[in-house]
Amino acid sequence: MRGLETDNNVKQTAGESSGMQVVPIAPAKGLKAQVYAALRVLIGHMDIYSSRDEIRIDERMLAEQLGVSRTPVREAISRLE
């Protein structure tokens, strides 16, 4: 299952503001699908109720952390919208 594969790319961390750390994706077939699945898991694990601040996703930071260009991140965000 794709969801299980992408769980390896999102790790719970202590002490960080979001409590989540994104691990780079190894280049493989279906990069767009992997980025989409990783973002879906990341968003699913976010605690949106712990802070009153507006939650924003920084595509540059995500692209850097995932080790991919911004294009597949943009496409995944667009698809998730």
Protein backbone atom coordinates (compact mmCIF):
# COMPACT_ATOMS: atom_id res chain seq x y z
CA MET A 1 0.00 0.00 0.00
CA ARG A 2 1.25 3.49 -0.81
CA GLY A 3 0.20 4.90 2.56
CA LEU A 4 2.49 2.50 4.38
CA GLU A 5 5.40 3.37 2.10
CA THR A 6 5.04 7.08 2.77
CA ASP A 7 4.76 6.66 6.54
CA ASN A 8 8.54 6.17 6.39
CA ASN A 9 8.85 9.74 5.07
CA VAL A 10 7.01 11.39 7.96
CA LYS A 11 8.38 10.93 11.47
CA GLN A 12 7.03 12.19 14.80
CA THR A 13 9.54 14.40 16.64
CA ALA A 14 9.57 16.04 20.03
CA GLY A 15 10.33 19.69 20.64
CA GLU A 16 9.65 21.01 17.15
CA SER A 17 6.77 23.39 16.60
CA SER A 18 4.94 21.06 14.23
CA GLY A 19 6.08 17.86 15.93
CA MET A 20 6.67 16.32 12.51
CA GLN A 21 9.79 15.82 10.41
CA VAL A 22 9.71 15.07 6.70
CA VAL A 23 12.38 12.68 5.39
CA PRO A 24 13.59 12.96 1.74
CA ILE A 25 11.96 10.63 -0.78
CA ALA A 26 14.23 8.26 -2.68
CA PRO A 27 13.80 8.81 -6.45
CA ALA A 28 11.69 5.99 -7.85
CA LYS A 29 8.78 5.38 -10.17
CA GLY A 30 5.77 7.56 -9.58
CA LEU A 31 7.50 10.49 -7.90
CA LYS A 32 4.37 12.64 -8.14
CA ALA A 33 2.34 9.89 -6.49
CA GLN A 34 4.93 9.50 -3.73
CA VAL A 35 4.98 13.24 -2.99
CA TYR A 36 1.17 13.31 -2.97
CA ALA A 37 1.01 10.37 -0.57
CA ALA A 38 3.72 11.85 1.69
CA LEU A 39 1.87 15.19 1.92
CA ARG A 40 -1.39 13.41 2.57
CA VAL A 41 0.18 11.50 5.47
CA LEU A 42 1.87 14.67 6.76
CA ILE A 43 -1.38 16.63 6.74
CA GLY A 44 -3.21 13.72 8.33
CA HIS A 45 -0.71 13.66 11.21
CA MET A 46 -0.77 17.43 11.83
CA ASP A 47 -2.31 18.60 15.09
CA ILE A 48 -4.40 21.50 13.84
CA TYR A 49 -5.97 22.17 17.23
CA SER A 50 -2.83 22.74 19.33
CA SER A 51 -2.19 26.27 18.07
CA ARG A 52 -4.42 29.22 17.28
CA ASP A 53 -1.94 30.38 14.63
CA GLU A 54 -2.84 29.92 10.99
CA ILE A 55 -1.34 26.71 9.56
CA ARG A 56 0.52 27.14 6.29
CA ILE A 57 2.42 24.66 4.15
CA ASP A 58 5.67 26.05 2.72
CA GLU A 59 6.23 24.38 -0.66
CA ARG A 60 9.90 25.39 -0.78
CA MET A 61 10.62 23.87 2.62
CA LEU A 62 8.71 20.69 1.76
CA ALA A 63 10.47 20.32 -1.58
CA GLU A 64 13.84 20.73 0.13
CA GLN A 65 13.00 18.29 2.92
CA LEU A 66 11.60 15.70 0.51
CA GLY A 67 14.59 16.10 -1.81
CA VAL A 68 12.47 16.92 -4.86
CA SER A 69 11.82 20.00 -6.98
CA ARG A 70 8.91 22.31 -6.20
CA THR A 71 6.90 21.13 -9.21
CA PRO A 72 5.75 17.76 -7.79
CA VAL A 73 5.05 19.49 -4.45
CA ARG A 74 2.89 22.10 -6.18
CA GLU A 75 1.05 19.41 -8.13
CA ALA A 76 0.44 17.41 -4.95
CA ILE A 77 -0.84 20.47 -3.08
CA SER A 78 -3.11 21.31 -5.99
CA ARG A 79 -4.41 17.75 -6.09
CA LEU A 80 -5.00 17.77 -2.32
CA GLU A 81 -6.99 21.03 -2.55
